[in-house]
Protein backbone atom coordinates (compact mmCIF):
# COMPACT_ATOMS: atom_id res chain seq x y z
CA MET A 1 -56.46 -0.18 -29.02
CA ARG A 2 -53.11 -0.99 -30.15
CA LEU A 3 -51.48 1.31 -33.07
CA ARG A 4 -51.72 -2.44 -35.62
CA HIS A 5 -55.56 -2.67 -34.56
CA ILE A 6 -55.76 1.21 -35.59
CA GLU A 7 -54.15 0.68 -38.55
CA VAL A 8 -55.72 -2.68 -39.69
CA PHE A 9 -59.29 -0.63 -38.40
CA ASN A 10 -58.47 1.92 -41.21
CA ALA A 11 -57.69 0.03 -43.80
CA ILE A 12 -60.40 -1.70 -43.57
CA MET A 13 -62.70 1.38 -42.83
CA LEU A 14 -61.11 3.12 -46.56
CA THR A 15 -60.91 -0.49 -48.33
CA GLY A 16 -64.12 -2.29 -47.18
CA SER A 17 -63.01 -5.58 -47.18
CA VAL A 18 -60.01 -7.87 -45.42
CA SER A 19 -58.48 -8.80 -48.93
CA ALA A 20 -57.98 -5.04 -49.88
CA ALA A 21 -56.72 -4.17 -46.37
CA ALA A 22 -54.30 -6.44 -46.63
CA ARG A 23 -53.11 -5.24 -50.05
CA LEU A 24 -53.30 -1.69 -48.83
CA ILE A 25 -50.44 -2.03 -45.82
CA ASN A 26 -48.95 -5.02 -46.89
CA ILE A 27 -49.69 -7.90 -44.82
CA THR A 28 -51.55 -10.89 -45.06
CA GLN A 29 -55.09 -11.40 -45.17
CA PRO A 30 -55.10 -14.12 -42.13
CA ALA A 31 -52.86 -10.80 -40.32
CA VAL A 32 -55.18 -8.45 -41.16
CA SER A 33 -58.21 -10.84 -39.43
CA ARG A 34 -56.79 -11.78 -36.90
CA THR A 35 -55.43 -8.40 -35.74
CA LEU A 36 -59.47 -7.22 -36.41
CA GLN A 37 -60.58 -10.14 -34.20
CA HIS A 38 -58.02 -8.86 -31.38
CA ALA A 39 -58.97 -5.68 -31.34
CA GLU A 40 -62.79 -6.52 -31.41
CA LEU A 41 -62.45 -8.85 -28.54
CA GLN A 42 -60.30 -5.67 -26.21
CA LEU A 43 -62.54 -3.29 -27.17
CA GLY A 44 -65.69 -5.76 -26.30
CA PHE A 45 -67.58 -4.70 -29.47
CA PRO A 46 -67.67 -5.70 -32.72
CA LEU A 47 -66.35 -2.87 -35.82
CA PHE A 48 -67.86 -4.54 -38.59
CA GLN A 49 -70.50 -6.33 -39.83
CA ARG A 50 -69.95 -9.79 -41.99
CA ALA A 51 -71.98 -10.09 -44.81
CA LYS A 52 -71.44 -12.01 -48.32
CA GLY A 53 -67.29 -11.06 -47.62
CA ARG A 54 -67.95 -7.62 -47.32
CA LEU A 55 -67.53 -5.89 -44.18
CA THR A 56 -69.65 -3.04 -42.95
CA PRO A 57 -69.28 -0.79 -39.89
CA THR A 58 -71.10 -1.05 -36.92
CA THR A 59 -72.32 2.44 -35.53
CA GLU A 60 -69.35 2.21 -32.67
CA ALA A 61 -66.99 1.74 -35.86
CA LEU A 62 -68.42 4.86 -37.22
CA THR A 63 -68.48 6.88 -33.78
CA LEU A 64 -64.46 5.53 -33.88
CA TYR A 65 -63.37 6.51 -37.25
CA PRO A 66 -63.57 10.43 -37.19
CA HIS A 67 -60.80 10.33 -34.23
CA ILE A 68 -59.01 7.96 -36.23
CA GLU A 69 -58.87 10.13 -39.41
CA ARG A 70 -57.59 12.71 -36.94
CA LEU A 71 -54.92 10.54 -35.81
CA PHE A 72 -53.54 9.21 -39.24
CA ALA A 73 -53.73 13.16 -40.27
CA GLN A 74 -51.37 14.12 -37.06
CA LEU A 75 -48.99 10.75 -37.90
CA ASP A 76 -48.83 12.08 -41.56
CA GLU A 77 -47.41 15.15 -40.17
CA VAL A 78 -44.61 13.62 -38.02
CA GLN A 79 -43.85 11.64 -40.62
CA ARG A 80 -43.22 14.83 -42.79
CA LEU A 81 -41.55 16.85 -39.32
CA ALA A 82 -39.41 13.16 -39.64
CA ALA A 83 -38.54 13.75 -43.59
CA ASN A 84 -37.49 17.72 -43.06
CA LEU A 85 -35.66 16.88 -39.98
CA ARG A 86 -33.16 14.07 -42.00
CA THR A 87 -32.82 16.60 -45.18
CA ALA A 88 -31.76 19.38 -42.81
CA GLY A 89 -29.46 16.93 -40.90
CA ASP A 90 -27.42 16.76 -43.98
CA THR A 91 -27.35 20.78 -44.03
CA GLY A 92 -26.62 23.98 -41.87
CA GLU A 93 -23.63 25.39 -39.90
CA LEU A 94 -20.80 24.34 -37.92
CA ARG A 95 -18.75 26.50 -36.24
CA ILE A 96 -15.72 24.95 -34.88
CA LEU A 97 -12.86 26.38 -32.69
CA SER A 98 -9.57 24.52 -32.38
CA VAL A 99 -6.08 24.67 -31.26
CA LEU A 100 -3.75 25.13 -34.38
CA ALA A 101 -1.76 22.21 -33.30
CA LEU A 102 -4.64 20.16 -34.38
CA SER A 103 -5.37 22.23 -37.44
CA TYR A 104 -2.96 21.68 -39.58
CA ASP A 105 -3.27 17.69 -40.35
CA ILE A 106 -6.04 16.02 -37.69
CA LEU A 107 -8.73 18.51 -38.19
CA PRO A 108 -8.59 18.43 -42.05
CA ARG A 109 -8.43 14.56 -41.95
CA ALA A 110 -12.07 14.69 -39.56
CA LEU A 111 -13.22 17.33 -41.97
CA LYS A 112 -12.75 15.11 -45.34
CA ALA A 113 -14.95 12.05 -43.55
CA PHE A 114 -17.38 14.70 -41.96
CA ARG A 115 -18.11 16.54 -45.73
CA GLU A 116 -18.16 12.83 -47.41
CA LYS A 117 -21.44 12.37 -45.25
CA HIS A 118 -22.82 15.92 -44.61
CA PRO A 119 -21.83 17.94 -47.53
CA GLY A 120 -24.42 20.35 -47.35
CA TYR A 121 -22.91 21.95 -44.11
CA ALA A 122 -21.01 25.24 -44.20
CA ILE A 123 -17.97 24.85 -41.53
CA THR A 124 -16.07 27.73 -40.24
CA VAL A 125 -12.93 26.95 -38.65
CA GLU A 126 -11.35 29.34 -36.46
CA SER A 127 -7.77 28.51 -34.65
CA LEU A 128 -7.32 30.21 -31.16
CA HIS A 129 -5.56 29.26 -27.90
CA SER A 130 -7.30 27.14 -25.34
CA PRO A 131 -8.62 30.07 -23.23
CA GLN A 132 -9.92 31.88 -26.30
CA ILE A 133 -11.86 28.98 -27.50
CA MET A 134 -13.23 28.37 -23.64
CA SER A 135 -14.43 32.28 -23.70
CA ALA A 136 -15.82 31.05 -27.21
CA LEU A 137 -18.05 28.09 -26.24
CA LEU A 138 -19.10 30.05 -23.02
CA LEU A 139 -20.55 33.03 -25.27
CA GLN A 140 -22.16 29.94 -27.91
CA GLU A 141 -19.70 31.67 -30.59
CA ALA A 142 -19.24 28.25 -31.48
CA ASP A 143 -20.60 24.85 -31.52
CA VAL A 144 -17.36 22.66 -30.61
CA GLY A 145 -13.76 22.94 -29.27
CA PHE A 146 -10.94 20.77 -29.77
CA ALA A 147 -7.59 21.79 -27.47
CA PHE A 148 -5.34 20.47 -24.87
CA SER A 149 -6.46 22.10 -21.81
CA PRO A 150 -9.22 20.88 -19.48
CA ALA A 151 -12.07 22.45 -19.27
CA VAL A 152 -12.04 24.52 -16.25
CA HIS A 153 -15.30 26.45 -16.23
CA PRO A 154 -18.64 24.32 -14.76
CA SER A 155 -20.78 25.68 -17.70
CA LEU A 156 -18.28 23.61 -20.19
CA THR A 157 -17.83 19.58 -20.41
CA GLN A 158 -15.04 17.79 -21.61
CA GLU A 159 -14.63 14.34 -23.35
CA THR A 160 -11.14 12.67 -23.91
CA LEU A 161 -10.55 11.65 -27.71
CA ALA A 162 -7.11 10.43 -27.09
CA ASP A 163 -3.91 10.83 -25.40
CA SER A 164 -0.90 11.77 -27.38
CA ARG A 165 2.50 12.86 -25.85
CA MET A 166 5.61 15.21 -25.52
CA VAL A 167 8.01 14.42 -28.65
CA CYS A 168 10.88 15.58 -29.49
CA ILE A 169 12.23 17.26 -32.58
CA ALA A 170 16.15 18.29 -33.18
CA PRO A 171 17.43 19.52 -36.20
CA LYS A 172 20.16 17.17 -37.96
CA GLY A 173 23.29 16.63 -36.00
CA MET A 174 22.35 18.64 -32.63
CA LEU A 175 21.99 15.23 -30.61
CA PRO A 176 24.74 12.33 -30.57
CA ARG A 177 23.89 9.79 -32.92
CA ALA A 178 23.83 7.47 -30.17
CA LEU A 179 20.52 8.97 -29.11
CA VAL A 180 19.10 9.64 -32.48
CA ARG A 181 19.85 5.63 -33.43
CA ASN A 182 18.22 4.94 -30.13
CA GLY A 183 15.26 6.56 -31.14
CA SER A 184 14.27 8.50 -27.79
CA VAL A 185 15.65 10.86 -25.60
CA ALA A 186 15.74 12.19 -21.88
CA LEU A 187 14.92 15.71 -20.67
CA HIS A 188 18.23 15.57 -18.99
CA ASP A 189 19.69 14.95 -22.35
CA LEU A 190 18.86 18.27 -23.48
CA VAL A 191 20.31 20.25 -20.66
CA ASP A 192 23.44 21.78 -22.44
CA ARG A 193 20.98 21.72 -25.91
CA PRO A 194 19.72 25.16 -27.10
CA VAL A 195 15.83 24.33 -26.19
CA ILE A 196 12.67 26.12 -27.69
CA GLY A 197 10.79 27.28 -25.07
CA LEU A 198 7.01 26.84 -24.49
CA ASP A 199 5.25 29.72 -23.14
CA SER A 200 4.44 28.20 -19.30
CA ARG A 201 1.06 29.46 -19.50
CA ASP A 202 -0.07 27.31 -22.39
CA PRO A 203 -1.34 23.44 -21.33
CA VAL A 204 1.70 21.15 -22.66
CA GLY A 205 4.19 23.98 -21.46
CA THR A 206 2.88 23.91 -18.01
CA SER A 207 3.08 20.09 -18.36
CA LEU A 208 6.65 19.96 -19.45
CA SER A 209 7.67 22.49 -16.74
CA GLN A 210 6.07 20.17 -13.96
CA ALA A 211 7.99 17.27 -15.85
CA CYS A 212 11.20 19.39 -15.57
CA ARG A 213 10.82 19.96 -11.90
CA GLN A 214 10.17 16.79 -11.17
CA ALA A 215 13.14 15.39 -13.01
CA GLY A 216 15.81 18.61 -11.57
CA VAL A 217 16.22 19.86 -14.97
CA GLY A 218 16.21 23.22 -16.02
CA PHE A 219 17.22 24.57 -19.47
CA GLN A 220 19.37 27.37 -19.41
CA GLN A 221 19.59 28.00 -22.94
CA ALA A 222 15.89 28.47 -23.68
CA VAL A 223 17.07 30.30 -26.86
CA VAL A 224 13.23 31.24 -28.52
CA THR A 225 10.07 31.11 -26.41
CA VAL A 226 7.11 30.37 -28.29
CA GLN A 227 3.25 30.24 -28.06
CA THR A 228 2.62 27.92 -30.70
CA TYR A 229 3.82 24.10 -30.98
CA HIS A 230 4.21 24.82 -34.68
CA ALA A 231 6.27 27.86 -34.08
CA ALA A 232 8.84 26.30 -31.95
CA LEU A 233 8.81 22.83 -35.12
CA ALA A 234 9.70 26.00 -37.42
CA MET A 235 12.75 26.88 -35.47
CA ALA A 236 13.58 23.58 -35.11
CA HIS A 237 13.71 23.22 -39.31
CA HIS A 238 15.94 26.22 -39.32
CA GLY A 239 18.41 24.46 -36.76
CA ILE A 240 17.33 27.01 -34.10
CA GLY A 241 17.21 24.24 -31.44
CA VAL A 242 15.43 21.65 -30.12
CA ALA A 243 11.64 21.75 -29.71
CA LEU A 244 9.45 20.06 -27.75
CA VAL A 245 5.96 19.64 -29.04
CA ASP A 246 2.98 17.64 -28.73
CA GLY A 247 2.86 13.93 -31.15
CA CYS A 248 0.27 15.97 -33.50
CA THR A 249 2.15 18.47 -34.50
CA ALA A 250 5.18 16.53 -34.92
CA ARG A 251 3.35 14.85 -37.42
CA SER A 252 4.05 17.75 -39.84
CA ALA A 253 8.21 17.39 -39.06
CA ASP A 254 10.14 17.24 -41.84
CA ARG A 255 12.43 14.24 -41.67
CA ALA A 256 14.79 15.34 -44.05
CA LYS A 257 15.52 18.51 -41.43
CA VAL A 258 14.74 17.11 -38.07
CA ASP A 259 14.92 13.96 -36.31
CA VAL A 260 11.36 13.21 -34.32
CA LEU A 261 12.68 11.13 -30.97
CA THR A 262 10.61 9.56 -28.06
CA LEU A 263 10.71 11.72 -25.01
CA GLU A 264 11.21 10.80 -21.38
CA PRO A 265 9.73 10.85 -19.21
CA HIS A 266 6.10 10.49 -20.84
CA ILE A 267 4.57 13.69 -20.70
CA PRO A 268 0.84 13.02 -21.79
CA VAL A 269 -0.89 15.32 -23.89
CA PRO A 270 -5.05 14.70 -23.75
CA ILE A 271 -6.73 15.51 -27.08
CA ARG A 272 -10.36 17.17 -25.71
CA ALA A 273 -13.52 18.12 -27.45
CA LEU A 274 -14.86 20.98 -25.62
CA ARG A 275 -18.54 21.80 -25.90
CA PHE A 276 -21.17 24.11 -24.10
CA ALA A 277 -22.96 22.02 -21.18
CA ALA A 278 -26.32 23.25 -21.57
CA ARG A 279 -26.48 23.08 -25.06
CA PRO A 280 -27.89 19.79 -26.64
CA ASP A 281 -25.03 18.27 -28.99
CA SER A 282 -26.37 18.27 -32.56
CA VAL A 283 -25.82 15.31 -35.15
CA ALA A 284 -23.06 17.29 -36.61
CA VAL A 285 -21.50 18.26 -33.24
CA ARG A 286 -21.28 14.26 -32.37
CA GLU A 287 -20.46 13.52 -36.21
CA ILE A 288 -16.98 15.84 -36.25
CA THR A 289 -16.15 14.64 -32.44
CA ARG A 290 -16.85 11.24 -33.89
CA CYS A 291 -14.48 12.19 -37.24
CA MET A 292 -11.74 13.83 -34.83
CA GLN A 293 -11.16 11.11 -32.51
CA GLN A 294 -11.27 8.88 -35.79
CA ALA A 295 -8.48 10.56 -37.60
CA ILE A 296 -6.51 11.09 -34.07
CA GLN A 297 -6.48 7.03 -33.84
CA ASP A 298 -5.42 7.21 -37.52
CA THR A 299 -2.63 9.21 -37.41
CA ILE A 300 -0.92 9.14 -33.56
């Protein structure tokens, strides 16, 4: 018997007639009759004796019915469980790790969109360096991490959400007007300028060092070396030097104090979602990842 057959059989057993069964399960009376006939044809024996508009269950039907009752009790349990899971999907805890560069603008935008759909979640956010994010994910101390670094451990998975790029943030008046009007600057244009250095162990700093080697450029005036991109941006705001940062950090630049220029050659900065591979993604993790991707697309 198919599930539809069982549903119709149960409705007739409860009501005693085709018309009442049709009203109970909200289908037409002819549909009930056809389904019952099909069920009896498939079974090879009648389920009801028809007399004076009433249906009387056969011995076979009475033998089947206790099993049908147990089946519907189990279906009710499934429905209750599904309802509980749906309710639970709007509450819970979501632990997010992010590099600082994504915590100022992108992540708040994503969280705002997330909370519009899931207001019951308790969310914790911690800003860490990429190696710390990976260590915490491996220890299952967080649900998802957002970083520029690739996953370097086989127990981590990564999903590239978007590709940002490095840009140049120069204090007003530090670069020639022609470069500023052009809107872009090459690495060799910065050789004689004070540059805020990035830690070479940082993924963006590593990419910058590789690009400099390929271009045959060395910065002799790295006046300050920092570990975070927003620290580099702050140095530029105070006129200390040129900051080379990712596009997300550049969103926070004060255009009254600095010029924001495209950097050539193109140095990509992939933005990745990192997760523990052995742990299935929850609805919340999938949703915050989607919100992050949308926030990135809306801002860079």
